[in-house]
Amino acid sequence: MEIRGERECKSCGRQWSYFETGSVSCPSCGGMKSVGVGDRKRHTSSPETLDLSPHRTAVSDTTIRDAAPELKADLRDYIRQVGFIHGGELRPLDDETLVAYELLHAVDVVARSNRPTDDEQLYVLDLLRGADTGDRPAPGEVPDSLADARGLAYADAVDDYRRDLSVWLDDHPNTEVRTTLGTLSNYVKRAEALDGAMPLDESETLVLATRDIYTSIVDDDLDALASARDRLASLL
């Protein structure tokens, strides 16, 4: 959406950035009546941060299966609020976002399993410990039984990023980037159709290609765009 992110309170005159607070109430007096100042800008991101410390405590006192419903609910809420345009500026697809998406899928697999393995449970615990700080496990650390969960999670994350990037390109037209984004979309659709059943290096390639596209935009780097295309071509 396009909004005037800079607000001025009608009651006390305080100015603040909705882009930073995500709230329409005045941070000084709590007043709900304000006016927008400045130009309208695209904005899809949320100031919410991922805090999974209550769930780490819950898991230490019970099982992953018992803790899963509330953990998944909070992860879904966080993911729904994730956006990649902040006050008109495009943001990257960061590791914290990827870990949140993967944790949602991985904990679902483990919670539904009648007899989850030790490796599966330890991996979910590793994700849970590192999600707040974006500590993303390397592909070689993913148990085979959770590879599809990572594949689907990364496809979902890349697809959400692609949607925001497509909106951003409406305001910053770039034919070459738009074409590459279309190619990326095709591979994401294939990954989702397979429910993430793809080699781990291919799901990693989707992420790296997405990041190359971002670099090509913010740094006006044609080599990065060419790298994204080469990565996607390797998936044929």
Protein backbone atom coordinates (compact mmCIF):
# COMPACT_ATOMS: atom_id res chain seq x y z
CA MET A 1 0.00 0.00 0.00
CA GLU A 2 1.01 3.62 -0.41
CA ILE A 3 0.89 5.71 2.75
CA ARG A 4 2.24 8.93 4.20
CA GLY A 5 4.46 7.36 6.80
CA GLU A 6 5.37 10.57 8.54
CA ARG A 7 2.53 11.46 10.93
CA GLU A 8 1.77 14.59 12.96
CA CYS A 9 -0.48 14.40 16.00
CA LYS A 10 -3.39 16.85 15.96
CA SER A 11 -3.46 16.99 19.75
CA CYS A 12 0.16 17.66 20.71
CA GLY A 13 1.92 18.25 17.41
CA ARG A 14 4.38 15.36 17.86
CA GLN A 15 5.71 13.94 14.61
CA TRP A 16 6.68 10.30 14.25
CA SER A 17 7.26 7.66 11.59
CA TYR A 18 4.56 5.07 11.08
CA PHE A 19 7.16 3.17 9.08
CA GLU A 20 9.13 2.65 12.30
CA THR A 21 6.35 2.17 14.86
CA GLY A 22 3.59 0.55 12.78
CA SER A 23 1.08 2.44 14.95
CA VAL A 24 -1.28 5.31 14.14
CA SER A 25 -1.43 6.39 17.80
CA CYS A 26 0.81 9.22 18.93
CA PRO A 27 3.82 7.90 20.89
CA SER A 28 3.70 10.98 23.16
CA CYS A 29 0.05 11.49 24.12
CA GLY A 30 -1.62 8.40 22.66
CA GLY A 31 -3.89 10.51 20.47
CA MET A 32 -5.48 8.70 17.53
CA LYS A 33 -6.01 11.75 15.33
CA SER A 34 -3.08 12.63 13.10
CA VAL A 35 -2.32 13.88 9.63
CA GLY A 36 0.16 12.54 7.15
CA VAL A 37 3.01 14.77 6.10
CA GLY A 38 5.31 14.29 3.15
CA ASP A 39 4.90 12.10 0.11
CA ARG A 40 3.14 8.76 -0.05
CA LYS A 41 5.43 5.75 -0.18
CA ARG A 42 4.99 2.03 -0.70
CA HIS A 43 5.16 0.16 2.56
CA THR A 44 4.60 -3.52 3.30
CA SER A 45 6.96 -4.26 6.19
CA SER A 46 6.12 -4.44 9.88
CA PRO A 47 8.21 -3.28 12.86
CA GLU A 48 7.39 -6.54 14.65
CA THR A 49 10.40 -8.62 15.66
CA LEU A 50 10.50 -12.38 16.09
CA ASP A 51 10.74 -13.37 19.76
CA LEU A 52 10.53 -17.11 20.28
CA SER A 53 11.91 -17.20 23.82
CA PRO A 54 8.52 -18.27 25.33
CA HIS A 55 8.44 -21.22 22.95
CA ARG A 56 12.00 -22.23 23.77
CA THR A 57 10.95 -22.31 27.41
CA ALA A 58 7.82 -24.29 26.54
CA VAL A 59 9.78 -26.90 24.59
CA SER A 60 12.21 -27.34 27.47
CA ASP A 61 9.26 -28.15 29.75
CA THR A 62 7.29 -30.36 27.36
CA THR A 63 7.55 -31.88 23.86
CA ILE A 64 7.75 -30.32 20.43
CA ARG A 65 4.35 -31.82 19.61
CA ASP A 66 2.74 -30.20 22.66
CA ALA A 67 4.40 -26.84 22.02
CA ALA A 68 3.70 -26.90 18.27
CA PRO A 69 0.20 -25.32 18.09
CA GLU A 70 1.14 -22.05 19.80
CA LEU A 71 4.54 -21.95 18.12
CA LYS A 72 3.01 -22.38 14.67
CA ALA A 73 0.36 -19.76 15.42
CA ASP A 74 3.00 -17.17 16.36
CA LEU A 75 5.14 -18.04 13.35
CA ARG A 76 2.15 -17.66 11.02
CA ASP A 77 1.35 -14.27 12.56
CA TYR A 78 4.93 -13.15 12.07
CA ILE A 79 5.10 -14.39 8.49
CA ARG A 80 1.82 -12.66 7.64
CA GLN A 81 3.37 -9.38 8.74
CA VAL A 82 6.67 -9.87 6.95
CA GLY A 83 7.10 -7.37 4.16
CA PHE A 84 10.04 -6.29 2.06
CA ILE A 85 9.25 -2.66 1.18
CA HIS A 86 10.02 -0.19 3.95
CA GLY A 87 9.05 3.40 3.31
CA GLY A 88 9.52 2.96 -0.41
CA GLU A 89 12.87 1.18 -0.08
CA LEU A 90 13.32 -2.46 -1.07
CA ARG A 91 14.76 -4.71 1.61
CA PRO A 92 16.62 -8.01 1.13
CA LEU A 93 15.38 -11.53 1.81
CA ASP A 94 17.26 -12.06 5.08
CA ASP A 95 18.15 -15.21 7.00
CA GLU A 96 15.80 -14.43 9.90
CA THR A 97 12.86 -14.57 7.51
CA LEU A 98 14.06 -17.81 5.93
CA VAL A 99 14.53 -19.51 9.30
CA ALA A 100 11.02 -18.47 10.39
CA TYR A 101 9.49 -19.97 7.26
CA GLU A 102 11.54 -23.16 7.63
CA LEU A 103 10.76 -23.55 11.32
CA LEU A 104 7.03 -23.35 10.59
CA HIS A 105 7.25 -26.20 8.09
CA ALA A 106 9.76 -28.30 10.03
CA VAL A 107 7.89 -28.18 13.35
CA ASP A 108 4.72 -29.18 11.51
CA VAL A 109 6.43 -32.29 10.12
CA VAL A 110 7.82 -33.30 13.50
CA ALA A 111 4.57 -32.60 15.34
CA ARG A 112 2.59 -34.79 12.91
CA SER A 113 5.06 -37.67 13.06
CA ASN A 114 4.18 -40.65 15.26
CA ARG A 115 7.84 -41.34 15.95
CA PRO A 116 10.04 -38.34 15.12
CA THR A 117 13.72 -39.20 15.05
CA ASP A 118 16.29 -37.67 17.35
CA ASP A 119 17.88 -35.92 14.35
CA GLU A 120 14.56 -34.35 13.38
CA GLN A 121 13.84 -33.11 16.89
CA LEU A 122 17.36 -31.77 17.40
CA TYR A 123 17.17 -29.94 14.08
CA VAL A 124 13.89 -28.26 15.01
CA LEU A 125 15.42 -27.24 18.33
CA ASP A 126 18.41 -25.77 16.45
CA LEU A 127 16.04 -23.76 14.26
CA LEU A 128 14.11 -22.61 17.30
CA ARG A 129 17.30 -21.49 19.06
CA GLY A 130 18.60 -19.55 16.07
CA ALA A 131 15.43 -18.13 14.51
CA ASP A 132 15.49 -14.82 16.40
CA THR A 133 18.98 -14.01 15.16
CA GLY A 134 18.73 -15.53 11.68
CA ASP A 135 21.11 -18.40 12.43
CA ARG A 136 20.35 -20.41 9.29
CA PRO A 137 21.69 -23.99 9.19
CA ALA A 138 23.76 -24.96 6.16
CA PRO A 139 22.18 -27.40 3.68
CA GLY A 140 24.43 -30.19 4.92
CA GLU A 141 22.90 -29.93 8.40
CA VAL A 142 19.33 -30.62 7.24
CA PRO A 143 18.09 -34.18 7.94
CA ASP A 144 16.96 -35.95 4.78
CA SER A 145 13.45 -36.29 6.17
CA LEU A 146 13.17 -32.50 6.55
CA ALA A 147 14.65 -31.55 3.19
CA ASP A 148 11.20 -31.15 1.61
CA ALA A 149 10.15 -28.89 4.48
CA ARG A 150 13.08 -26.60 3.75
CA GLY A 151 12.37 -26.72 0.01
CA LEU A 152 8.74 -25.70 0.48
CA ALA A 153 9.59 -23.09 3.09
CA TYR A 154 12.15 -21.42 0.85
CA ALA A 155 9.79 -21.53 -2.12
CA ASP A 156 7.11 -19.82 -0.02
CA ALA A 157 9.53 -17.18 1.25
CA VAL A 158 10.88 -16.44 -2.23
CA ASP A 159 7.35 -16.25 -3.61
CA ASP A 160 6.30 -13.72 -0.97
CA TYR A 161 9.43 -11.72 -1.71
CA ARG A 162 8.71 -11.89 -5.43
CA ARG A 163 5.23 -10.40 -4.87
CA ASP A 164 6.62 -7.40 -3.00
CA LEU A 165 9.37 -6.94 -5.55
CA SER A 166 6.80 -6.99 -8.34
CA VAL A 167 4.88 -4.22 -6.56
CA TRP A 168 8.11 -2.24 -6.07
CA LEU A 169 8.84 -2.54 -9.79
CA ASP A 170 5.51 -0.85 -10.54
CA ASP A 171 7.10 2.33 -9.17
CA HIS A 172 10.61 1.60 -10.46
CA PRO A 173 10.18 -0.03 -13.89
CA ASN A 174 13.01 -2.28 -15.00
CA THR A 175 12.30 -4.59 -17.92
CA GLU A 176 15.35 -6.79 -17.41
CA VAL A 177 14.63 -7.34 -13.72
CA ARG A 178 10.95 -7.94 -14.45
CA THR A 179 11.85 -10.63 -16.99
CA THR A 180 14.21 -12.36 -14.57
CA LEU A 181 11.56 -12.17 -11.87
CA GLY A 182 9.18 -13.99 -14.20
CA THR A 183 11.70 -16.78 -14.63
CA LEU A 184 12.13 -16.99 -10.86
CA SER A 185 8.36 -17.24 -10.47
CA ASN A 186 8.23 -20.24 -12.79
CA TYR A 187 10.75 -22.16 -10.69
CA VAL A 188 8.98 -21.22 -7.47
CA LYS A 189 5.70 -22.56 -8.86
CA ARG A 190 7.45 -25.80 -9.77
CA ALA A 191 8.90 -26.13 -6.26
CA GLU A 192 5.49 -25.51 -4.69
CA ALA A 193 3.83 -28.01 -7.03
CA LEU A 194 6.37 -30.59 -5.83
CA ASP A 195 5.64 -29.69 -2.17
CA GLY A 196 9.30 -28.80 -1.80
CA ALA A 197 10.58 -32.18 -3.00
CA MET A 198 13.76 -30.85 -4.56
CA PRO A 199 17.48 -31.18 -3.85
CA LEU A 200 18.69 -28.86 -1.12
CA ASP A 201 21.12 -27.16 -3.47
CA GLU A 202 18.19 -26.20 -5.72
CA SER A 203 16.24 -24.56 -2.90
CA GLU A 204 19.44 -22.71 -1.97
CA THR A 205 19.79 -21.60 -5.58
CA LEU A 206 16.34 -20.00 -5.47
CA VAL A 207 17.41 -17.97 -2.44
CA LEU A 208 20.75 -16.95 -3.96
CA ALA A 209 19.11 -15.94 -7.24
CA THR A 210 16.60 -13.82 -5.34
CA ARG A 211 19.41 -12.11 -3.47
CA ASP A 212 21.28 -11.51 -6.71
CA ILE A 213 18.21 -9.76 -8.11
CA TYR A 214 18.07 -7.55 -5.03
CA THR A 215 21.78 -6.70 -5.37
CA SER A 216 21.32 -5.87 -9.04
CA ILE A 217 18.66 -3.33 -8.09
CA VAL A 218 20.20 -1.58 -5.08
CA ASP A 219 23.72 -1.52 -6.53
CA ASP A 220 22.70 -1.11 -10.17
CA ASP A 221 24.82 -4.20 -10.77
CA LEU A 222 24.29 -5.90 -14.14
CA ASP A 223 26.71 -8.68 -13.17
CA ALA A 224 24.46 -9.59 -10.23
CA LEU A 225 21.46 -9.81 -12.55
CA ALA A 226 23.45 -12.03 -14.91
CA SER A 227 24.39 -14.20 -11.92
CA ALA A 228 20.72 -14.58 -11.00
CA ARG A 229 19.93 -15.70 -14.54
CA ASP A 230 22.81 -18.17 -14.56
CA ARG A 231 21.68 -19.64 -11.24
CA LEU A 232 18.13 -20.10 -12.53
CA ALA A 233 19.35 -21.58 -15.80
CA SER A 234 21.27 -24.20 -13.79
CA LEU A 235 17.93 -25.49 -12.49
CA LEU A 236 16.83 -26.68 -15.93
